[in-house]
Amino acid sequence: MQNTRSLRTVLALALLLNLTWANLFSFAPGMTERLYRMPMTEGWHAYLAVSRGAAFFVLAIISLLALLRPRSFRSMTVVLLVAYFCFFLVDVIVLARGQMAFMVLLPEMIAYVFLSGALVRFYPAEEQESLRIPEKKVTGSSIEK
């Protein structure tokens, strides 16, 4: 069996980061405005911020479940990996359109890359017995024939 201490550490960091971002987007709109250097001028902006906060809260729940039982909930690790890739892709699209400054998005892009890389590195893979090829013993008599 594989040691899951490193994966648990990464999942704990993901839980902490997801709860922080969920709190930031859902309950601290003023801090979100300062962080992204963009005012939330309409109700629509606040709605989108709270929606993103809810998405981070769901990811925090997934991180917690995967943290508690990393071997049983391997698929949740994949869900986190896909979510971080999608958030990273959104940041790249926003940068390509010129909607936000690179230095504003750089910290969260770095966090997505590091978390994704660590999740891939420490993914709990198990050996499957059915895929092993049985080894045949070679004796001296079978070589001579």
N, C-alpha and C. Protein backbone atom coordinates (compact mmCIF):
# COMPACT_ATOMS: atom_id res chain seq x y z
N MET A 1 0.83 -1.18 0.00
CA MET A 1 0.00 0.00 0.00
C MET A 1 0.88 1.25 0.00
N GLN A 2 0.41 2.26 -0.65
CA GLN A 2 1.16 3.49 -0.81
C GLN A 2 0.96 4.39 0.41
N ASN A 3 2.00 5.08 0.82
CA ASN A 3 1.91 6.04 1.91
C ASN A 3 1.23 7.30 1.39
N THR A 4 0.20 7.77 2.10
CA THR A 4 -0.57 8.91 1.62
C THR A 4 -0.30 10.19 2.41
N ARG A 5 0.78 10.23 3.16
CA ARG A 5 1.08 11.42 3.97
C ARG A 5 1.27 12.67 3.10
N SER A 6 1.98 12.54 2.01
CA SER A 6 2.22 13.69 1.13
C SER A 6 0.91 14.15 0.48
N LEU A 7 0.10 13.19 0.04
CA LEU A 7 -1.19 13.55 -0.56
C LEU A 7 -2.08 14.24 0.47
N ARG A 8 -2.08 13.74 1.69
CA ARG A 8 -2.89 14.38 2.75
C ARG A 8 -2.42 15.81 3.01
N THR A 9 -1.13 16.05 2.94
CA THR A 9 -0.60 17.41 3.12
C THR A 9 -1.09 18.32 2.00
N VAL A 10 -1.05 17.83 0.78
CA VAL A 10 -1.52 18.63 -0.36
C VAL A 10 -3.02 18.88 -0.25
N LEU A 11 -3.77 17.87 0.14
CA LEU A 11 -5.22 18.04 0.29
C LEU A 11 -5.55 18.99 1.43
N ALA A 12 -4.75 18.99 2.50
CA ALA A 12 -4.97 19.95 3.58
C ALA A 12 -4.70 21.37 3.11
N LEU A 13 -3.65 21.55 2.30
CA LEU A 13 -3.39 22.87 1.72
C LEU A 13 -4.51 23.29 0.79
N ALA A 14 -5.02 22.35 0.00
CA ALA A 14 -6.13 22.66 -0.90
C ALA A 14 -7.38 23.04 -0.11
N LEU A 15 -7.64 22.33 0.98
CA LEU A 15 -8.77 22.65 1.84
C LEU A 15 -8.64 24.06 2.40
N LEU A 16 -7.47 24.38 2.91
CA LEU A 16 -7.23 25.71 3.47
C LEU A 16 -7.39 26.80 2.41
N LEU A 17 -6.81 26.57 1.23
CA LEU A 17 -6.89 27.55 0.15
C LEU A 17 -8.33 27.71 -0.34
N ASN A 18 -9.05 26.61 -0.49
CA ASN A 18 -10.44 26.69 -0.96
C ASN A 18 -11.33 27.40 0.05
N LEU A 19 -11.14 27.12 1.35
CA LEU A 19 -11.93 27.82 2.36
C LEU A 19 -11.61 29.30 2.40
N THR A 20 -10.34 29.64 2.22
CA THR A 20 -9.94 31.06 2.19
C THR A 20 -10.59 31.78 1.02
N TRP A 21 -10.51 31.16 -0.17
CA TRP A 21 -11.11 31.80 -1.34
C TRP A 21 -12.63 31.84 -1.24
N ALA A 22 -13.25 30.80 -0.67
CA ALA A 22 -14.70 30.80 -0.49
C ALA A 22 -15.12 31.94 0.43
N ASN A 23 -14.39 32.13 1.52
CA ASN A 23 -14.68 33.22 2.44
C ASN A 23 -14.47 34.57 1.77
N LEU A 24 -13.39 34.69 1.01
CA LEU A 24 -13.06 35.95 0.35
C LEU A 24 -14.16 36.35 -0.65
N PHE A 25 -14.54 35.43 -1.50
CA PHE A 25 -15.52 35.75 -2.54
C PHE A 25 -16.94 35.88 -1.99
N SER A 26 -17.28 35.11 -0.97
CA SER A 26 -18.65 35.11 -0.47
C SER A 26 -18.92 36.20 0.56
N PHE A 27 -17.98 36.45 1.45
CA PHE A 27 -18.26 37.31 2.60
C PHE A 27 -17.43 38.58 2.68
N ALA A 28 -16.48 38.77 1.78
CA ALA A 28 -15.63 39.96 1.84
C ALA A 28 -15.52 40.62 0.47
N PRO A 29 -16.62 41.23 -0.01
CA PRO A 29 -16.56 41.83 -1.34
C PRO A 29 -15.57 43.00 -1.42
N GLY A 30 -15.39 43.73 -0.33
CA GLY A 30 -14.43 44.83 -0.34
C GLY A 30 -13.00 44.33 -0.53
N MET A 31 -12.69 43.21 0.13
CA MET A 31 -11.36 42.63 -0.01
C MET A 31 -11.16 42.09 -1.44
N THR A 32 -12.21 41.52 -2.00
CA THR A 32 -12.12 41.03 -3.38
C THR A 32 -11.86 42.17 -4.35
N GLU A 33 -12.52 43.31 -4.12
CA GLU A 33 -12.28 44.48 -4.97
C GLU A 33 -10.83 44.94 -4.88
N ARG A 34 -10.29 44.98 -3.67
CA ARG A 34 -8.89 45.42 -3.51
C ARG A 34 -7.92 44.40 -4.10
N LEU A 35 -8.21 43.13 -3.94
CA LEU A 35 -7.31 42.09 -4.43
C LEU A 35 -7.21 42.10 -5.95
N TYR A 36 -8.36 42.21 -6.61
CA TYR A 36 -8.38 42.19 -8.07
C TYR A 36 -8.33 43.58 -8.70
N ARG A 37 -8.29 44.59 -7.87
CA ARG A 37 -8.19 45.99 -8.33
C ARG A 37 -9.29 46.35 -9.32
N MET A 38 -10.49 45.84 -9.05
CA MET A 38 -11.65 46.13 -9.90
C MET A 38 -12.87 46.33 -9.00
N PRO A 39 -13.59 47.41 -9.16
CA PRO A 39 -14.78 47.62 -8.31
C PRO A 39 -15.95 46.75 -8.77
N MET A 40 -16.73 46.29 -7.80
CA MET A 40 -17.97 45.57 -8.12
C MET A 40 -19.07 46.62 -8.22
N THR A 41 -19.30 47.10 -9.42
CA THR A 41 -20.21 48.23 -9.60
C THR A 41 -21.67 47.83 -9.68
N GLU A 42 -21.94 46.62 -10.07
CA GLU A 42 -23.33 46.20 -10.26
C GLU A 42 -23.63 44.98 -9.40
N GLY A 43 -24.90 44.70 -9.25
CA GLY A 43 -25.32 43.53 -8.51
C GLY A 43 -24.87 42.24 -9.18
N TRP A 44 -24.72 42.30 -10.48
CA TRP A 44 -24.29 41.14 -11.25
C TRP A 44 -22.88 40.69 -10.84
N HIS A 45 -22.00 41.67 -10.60
CA HIS A 45 -20.64 41.35 -10.17
C HIS A 45 -20.65 40.67 -8.80
N ALA A 46 -21.49 41.17 -7.91
CA ALA A 46 -21.58 40.56 -6.58
C ALA A 46 -22.14 39.14 -6.70
N TYR A 47 -23.12 38.95 -7.57
CA TYR A 47 -23.68 37.61 -7.79
C TYR A 47 -22.61 36.64 -8.29
N LEU A 48 -21.81 37.07 -9.24
CA LEU A 48 -20.75 36.20 -9.77
C LEU A 48 -19.69 35.91 -8.70
N ALA A 49 -19.38 36.89 -7.87
CA ALA A 49 -18.40 36.68 -6.81
C ALA A 49 -18.92 35.65 -5.80
N VAL A 50 -20.19 35.77 -5.42
CA VAL A 50 -20.76 34.81 -4.47
C VAL A 50 -20.85 33.43 -5.11
N SER A 51 -21.14 33.36 -6.40
CA SER A 51 -21.19 32.07 -7.10
C SER A 51 -19.81 31.41 -7.11
N ARG A 52 -18.79 32.19 -7.36
CA ARG A 52 -17.44 31.63 -7.34
C ARG A 52 -17.06 31.21 -5.91
N GLY A 53 -17.50 31.96 -4.93
CA GLY A 53 -17.27 31.57 -3.54
C GLY A 53 -17.96 30.26 -3.21
N ALA A 54 -19.16 30.05 -3.72
CA ALA A 54 -19.87 28.78 -3.51
C ALA A 54 -19.13 27.63 -4.18
N ALA A 55 -18.57 27.88 -5.35
CA ALA A 55 -17.79 26.83 -6.04
C ALA A 55 -16.57 26.46 -5.22
N PHE A 56 -15.91 27.45 -4.63
CA PHE A 56 -14.75 27.16 -3.79
C PHE A 56 -15.17 26.44 -2.51
N PHE A 57 -16.35 26.73 -2.00
CA PHE A 57 -16.83 26.01 -0.82
C PHE A 57 -17.08 24.54 -1.15
N VAL A 58 -17.65 24.26 -2.31
CA VAL A 58 -17.84 22.86 -2.73
C VAL A 58 -16.49 22.17 -2.91
N LEU A 59 -15.53 22.86 -3.48
CA LEU A 59 -14.19 22.28 -3.62
C LEU A 59 -13.54 22.04 -2.26
N ALA A 60 -13.86 22.89 -1.27
CA ALA A 60 -13.34 22.67 0.08
C ALA A 60 -13.95 21.41 0.69
N ILE A 61 -15.22 21.16 0.45
CA ILE A 61 -15.86 19.93 0.94
C ILE A 61 -15.23 18.72 0.27
N ILE A 62 -15.01 18.81 -1.03
CA ILE A 62 -14.37 17.70 -1.75
C ILE A 62 -12.96 17.47 -1.21
N SER A 63 -12.24 18.54 -0.95
CA SER A 63 -10.88 18.41 -0.39
C SER A 63 -10.92 17.73 0.98
N LEU A 64 -11.91 18.09 1.80
CA LEU A 64 -12.02 17.49 3.12
C LEU A 64 -12.33 16.00 3.03
N LEU A 65 -13.26 15.62 2.17
CA LEU A 65 -13.59 14.20 2.02
C LEU A 65 -12.40 13.41 1.50
N ALA A 66 -11.71 13.98 0.53
CA ALA A 66 -10.53 13.30 -0.01
C ALA A 66 -9.41 13.24 1.03
N LEU A 67 -9.33 14.25 1.89
CA LEU A 67 -8.32 14.27 2.94
C LEU A 67 -8.58 13.17 3.97
N LEU A 68 -9.84 12.94 4.28
CA LEU A 68 -10.18 11.93 5.28
C LEU A 68 -9.90 10.51 4.81
N ARG A 69 -10.17 10.24 3.54
CA ARG A 69 -9.97 8.90 3.00
C ARG A 69 -9.40 8.99 1.59
N PRO A 70 -8.10 9.24 1.45
CA PRO A 70 -7.52 9.50 0.12
C PRO A 70 -7.58 8.30 -0.83
N ARG A 71 -7.50 7.09 -0.31
CA ARG A 71 -7.55 5.93 -1.21
C ARG A 71 -8.97 5.65 -1.68
N SER A 72 -9.94 5.86 -0.81
CA SER A 72 -11.33 5.57 -1.17
C SER A 72 -11.91 6.62 -2.10
N PHE A 73 -11.46 7.85 -1.95
CA PHE A 73 -12.02 8.94 -2.74
C PHE A 73 -11.01 9.46 -3.76
N ARG A 74 -10.38 8.55 -4.48
CA ARG A 74 -9.40 8.96 -5.49
C ARG A 74 -10.05 9.80 -6.59
N SER A 75 -11.30 9.52 -6.91
CA SER A 75 -11.97 10.29 -7.96
C SER A 75 -12.15 11.75 -7.55
N MET A 76 -12.25 12.02 -6.26
CA MET A 76 -12.38 13.41 -5.81
C MET A 76 -11.08 14.17 -6.02
N THR A 77 -9.98 13.48 -5.95
CA THR A 77 -8.70 14.10 -6.26
C THR A 77 -8.66 14.51 -7.72
N VAL A 78 -9.23 13.69 -8.58
CA VAL A 78 -9.30 14.02 -10.01
C VAL A 78 -10.23 15.21 -10.23
N VAL A 79 -11.33 15.27 -9.48
CA VAL A 79 -12.25 16.41 -9.60
C VAL A 79 -11.53 17.70 -9.21
N LEU A 80 -10.76 17.67 -8.14
CA LEU A 80 -9.99 18.86 -7.75
C LEU A 80 -9.00 19.25 -8.84
N LEU A 81 -8.35 18.26 -9.41
CA LEU A 81 -7.38 18.52 -10.47
C LEU A 81 -8.05 19.17 -11.68
N VAL A 82 -9.19 18.67 -12.08
CA VAL A 82 -9.91 19.25 -13.22
C VAL A 82 -10.40 20.66 -12.89
N ALA A 83 -10.88 20.87 -11.68
CA ALA A 83 -11.36 22.20 -11.29
C ALA A 83 -10.23 23.22 -11.31
N TYR A 84 -9.07 22.85 -10.77
CA TYR A 84 -7.94 23.78 -10.78
C TYR A 84 -7.47 24.06 -12.20
N PHE A 85 -7.51 23.06 -13.05
CA PHE A 85 -7.15 23.28 -14.45
C PHE A 85 -8.13 24.25 -15.11
N CYS A 86 -9.42 24.10 -14.83
CA CYS A 86 -10.42 25.00 -15.42
C CYS A 86 -10.25 26.43 -14.92
N PHE A 87 -9.98 26.60 -13.61
CA PHE A 87 -9.75 27.95 -13.09
C PHE A 87 -8.50 28.57 -13.70
N PHE A 88 -7.46 27.76 -13.88
CA PHE A 88 -6.24 28.25 -14.53
C PHE A 88 -6.55 28.66 -15.97
N LEU A 89 -7.33 27.87 -16.67
CA LEU A 89 -7.71 28.18 -18.05
C LEU A 89 -8.51 29.48 -18.13
N VAL A 90 -9.39 29.70 -17.18
CA VAL A 90 -10.15 30.96 -17.13
C VAL A 90 -9.19 32.14 -16.96
N ASP A 91 -8.20 31.98 -16.09
CA ASP A 91 -7.22 33.06 -15.90
C ASP A 91 -6.44 33.34 -17.19
N VAL A 92 -6.08 32.29 -17.90
CA VAL A 92 -5.35 32.48 -19.16
C VAL A 92 -6.23 33.20 -20.19
N ILE A 93 -7.50 32.85 -20.25
CA ILE A 93 -8.42 33.50 -21.19
C ILE A 93 -8.59 34.97 -20.82
N VAL A 94 -8.73 35.26 -19.53
CA VAL A 94 -8.86 36.65 -19.08
C VAL A 94 -7.60 37.45 -19.43
N LEU A 95 -6.44 36.83 -19.27
CA LEU A 95 -5.19 37.51 -19.64
C LEU A 95 -5.11 37.72 -21.15
N ALA A 96 -5.52 36.73 -21.93
CA ALA A 96 -5.47 36.85 -23.39
C ALA A 96 -6.38 37.96 -23.89
N ARG A 97 -7.50 38.16 -23.24
CA ARG A 97 -8.42 39.23 -23.63
C ARG A 97 -7.98 40.60 -23.12
N GLY A 98 -7.01 40.63 -22.21
CA GLY A 98 -6.54 41.89 -21.65
C GLY A 98 -7.49 42.49 -20.64
N GLN A 99 -8.30 41.67 -19.99
CA GLN A 99 -9.28 42.18 -19.05
C GLN A 99 -8.70 42.47 -17.67
N MET A 100 -7.60 41.81 -17.32
CA MET A 100 -6.95 42.03 -16.03
C MET A 100 -5.44 42.03 -16.22
N ALA A 101 -4.76 42.62 -15.27
CA ALA A 101 -3.31 42.68 -15.34
C ALA A 101 -2.69 41.33 -14.95
N PHE A 102 -1.55 41.05 -15.55
CA PHE A 102 -0.87 39.78 -15.30
C PHE A 102 -0.48 39.63 -13.84
N MET A 103 0.04 40.69 -13.24
CA MET A 103 0.50 40.62 -11.85
C MET A 103 -0.64 40.41 -10.86
N VAL A 104 -1.86 40.76 -11.24
CA VAL A 104 -3.01 40.54 -10.36
C VAL A 104 -3.36 39.05 -10.34
N LEU A 105 -3.30 38.41 -11.48
CA LEU A 105 -3.69 36.99 -11.59
C LEU A 105 -2.54 36.03 -11.32
N LEU A 106 -1.31 36.51 -11.32
CA LEU A 106 -0.16 35.62 -11.16
C LEU A 106 -0.18 34.78 -9.88
N PRO A 107 -0.49 35.34 -8.71
CA PRO A 107 -0.47 34.50 -7.50
C PRO A 107 -1.44 33.32 -7.55
N GLU A 108 -2.66 33.56 -8.03
CA GLU A 108 -3.61 32.44 -8.07
C GLU A 108 -3.25 31.44 -9.17
N MET A 109 -2.66 31.91 -10.26
CA MET A 109 -2.23 30.98 -11.31
C MET A 109 -1.10 30.08 -10.79
N ILE A 110 -0.19 30.66 -10.02
CA ILE A 110 0.89 29.86 -9.44
C ILE A 110 0.32 28.84 -8.47
N ALA A 111 -0.66 29.25 -7.67
CA ALA A 111 -1.28 28.33 -6.72
C ALA A 111 -1.96 27.17 -7.45
N TYR A 112 -2.66 27.46 -8.55
CA TYR A 112 -3.31 26.39 -9.32
C TYR A 112 -2.29 25.42 -9.90
N VAL A 113 -1.20 25.93 -10.41
CA VAL A 113 -0.17 25.07 -11.02
C VAL A 113 0.49 24.19 -9.96
N PHE A 114 0.85 24.78 -8.82
CA PHE A 114 1.49 24.00 -7.76
C PHE A 114 0.55 22.95 -7.18
N LEU A 115 -0.70 23.32 -6.92
CA LEU A 115 -1.65 22.35 -6.38
C LEU A 115 -1.91 21.22 -7.37
N SER A 116 -2.08 21.56 -8.64
CA SER A 116 -2.32 20.53 -9.65
C SER A 116 -1.12 19.60 -9.78
N GLY A 117 0.07 20.18 -9.82
CA GLY A 117 1.27 19.35 -9.91
C GLY A 117 1.43 18.42 -8.73
N ALA A 118 1.15 18.93 -7.53
CA ALA A 118 1.27 18.09 -6.34
C ALA A 118 0.20 17.01 -6.31
N LEU A 119 -1.01 17.33 -6.77
CA LEU A 119 -2.05 16.30 -6.82
C LEU A 119 -1.70 15.19 -7.80
N VAL A 120 -1.12 15.57 -8.93
CA VAL A 120 -0.70 14.56 -9.91
C VAL A 120 0.46 13.74 -9.35
N ARG A 121 1.41 14.41 -8.72
CA ARG A 121 2.60 13.71 -8.20
C ARG A 121 2.25 12.69 -7.12
N PHE A 122 1.32 13.04 -6.22
CA PHE A 122 1.02 12.18 -5.09
C PHE A 122 -0.32 11.45 -5.23
N TYR A 123 -0.81 11.32 -6.46
CA TYR A 123 -2.08 10.62 -6.69
C TYR A 123 -1.96 9.17 -6.21
N PRO A 124 -2.93 8.68 -5.44
CA PRO A 124 -2.82 7.32 -4.88
C PRO A 124 -3.11 6.24 -5.91
N ALA A 125 -2.09 5.77 -6.56
CA ALA A 125 -2.25 4.71 -7.55
C ALA A 125 -2.00 3.36 -6.88
N GLU A 126 -2.83 2.40 -7.22
CA GLU A 126 -2.66 1.06 -6.66
C GLU A 126 -2.26 0.10 -7.77
N GLU A 127 -1.43 -0.85 -7.42
CA GLU A 127 -1.05 -1.88 -8.40
C GLU A 127 -2.21 -2.83 -8.59
N GLN A 128 -2.45 -3.19 -9.81
CA GLN A 128 -3.51 -4.15 -10.10
C GLN A 128 -2.87 -5.51 -10.35
N GLU A 129 -3.35 -6.50 -9.64
CA GLU A 129 -2.79 -7.83 -9.75
C GLU A 129 -3.06 -8.44 -11.12
N SER A 130 -4.18 -8.09 -11.73
CA SER A 130 -4.54 -8.71 -13.01
C SER A 130 -3.63 -8.26 -14.15
N LEU A 131 -2.96 -7.12 -14.00
CA LEU A 131 -2.11 -6.61 -15.06
C LEU A 131 -0.68 -7.15 -15.00
N ARG A 132 -0.35 -7.82 -13.93
CA ARG A 132 1.00 -8.37 -13.81
C ARG A 132 1.15 -9.58 -14.73
N ILE A 133 2.28 -9.67 -15.34
CA ILE A 133 2.60 -10.81 -16.20
C ILE A 133 3.37 -11.81 -15.36
N PRO A 134 2.87 -13.05 -15.29
CA PRO A 134 3.59 -14.03 -14.48
C PRO A 134 4.93 -14.36 -15.11
N GLU A 135 5.92 -14.49 -14.25
CA GLU A 135 7.27 -14.81 -14.73
C GLU A 135 7.43 -16.32 -14.81
N LYS A 136 8.04 -16.78 -15.88
CA LYS A 136 8.29 -18.21 -16.05
C LYS A 136 9.73 -18.49 -15.64
N LYS A 137 9.90 -19.57 -14.93
CA LYS A 137 11.24 -19.96 -14.52
C LYS A 137 11.90 -20.72 -15.66
N VAL A 138 13.09 -20.35 -15.94
CA VAL A 138 13.86 -21.01 -17.01
C VAL A 138 14.85 -21.95 -16.34
N THR A 139 14.76 -23.19 -16.73
CA THR A 139 15.70 -24.17 -16.17
C THR A 139 16.74 -24.50 -17.23
N GLY A 140 17.81 -25.07 -16.79
CA GLY A 140 18.89 -25.44 -17.71
C GLY A 140 18.45 -26.50 -18.71
N SER A 141 17.57 -27.40 -18.34
CA SER A 141 17.14 -28.45 -19.24
C SER A 141 16.28 -27.94 -20.38
N SER A 142 15.49 -26.87 -20.14
CA SER A 142 14.65 -26.36 -21.21
C SER A 142 15.46 -25.56 -22.24
N ILE A 143 16.60 -25.04 -21.84
CA ILE A 143 17.44 -24.29 -22.77
C ILE A 143 18.16 -25.25 -23.71
N GLU A 144 18.58 -26.41 -23.22
CA GLU A 144 19.34 -27.34 -24.02
C GLU A 144 18.51 -28.03 -25.09
N LYS A 145 17.23 -28.13 -24.93
CA LYS A 145 16.39 -28.87 -25.87
C LYS A 145 16.18 -28.18 -27.13
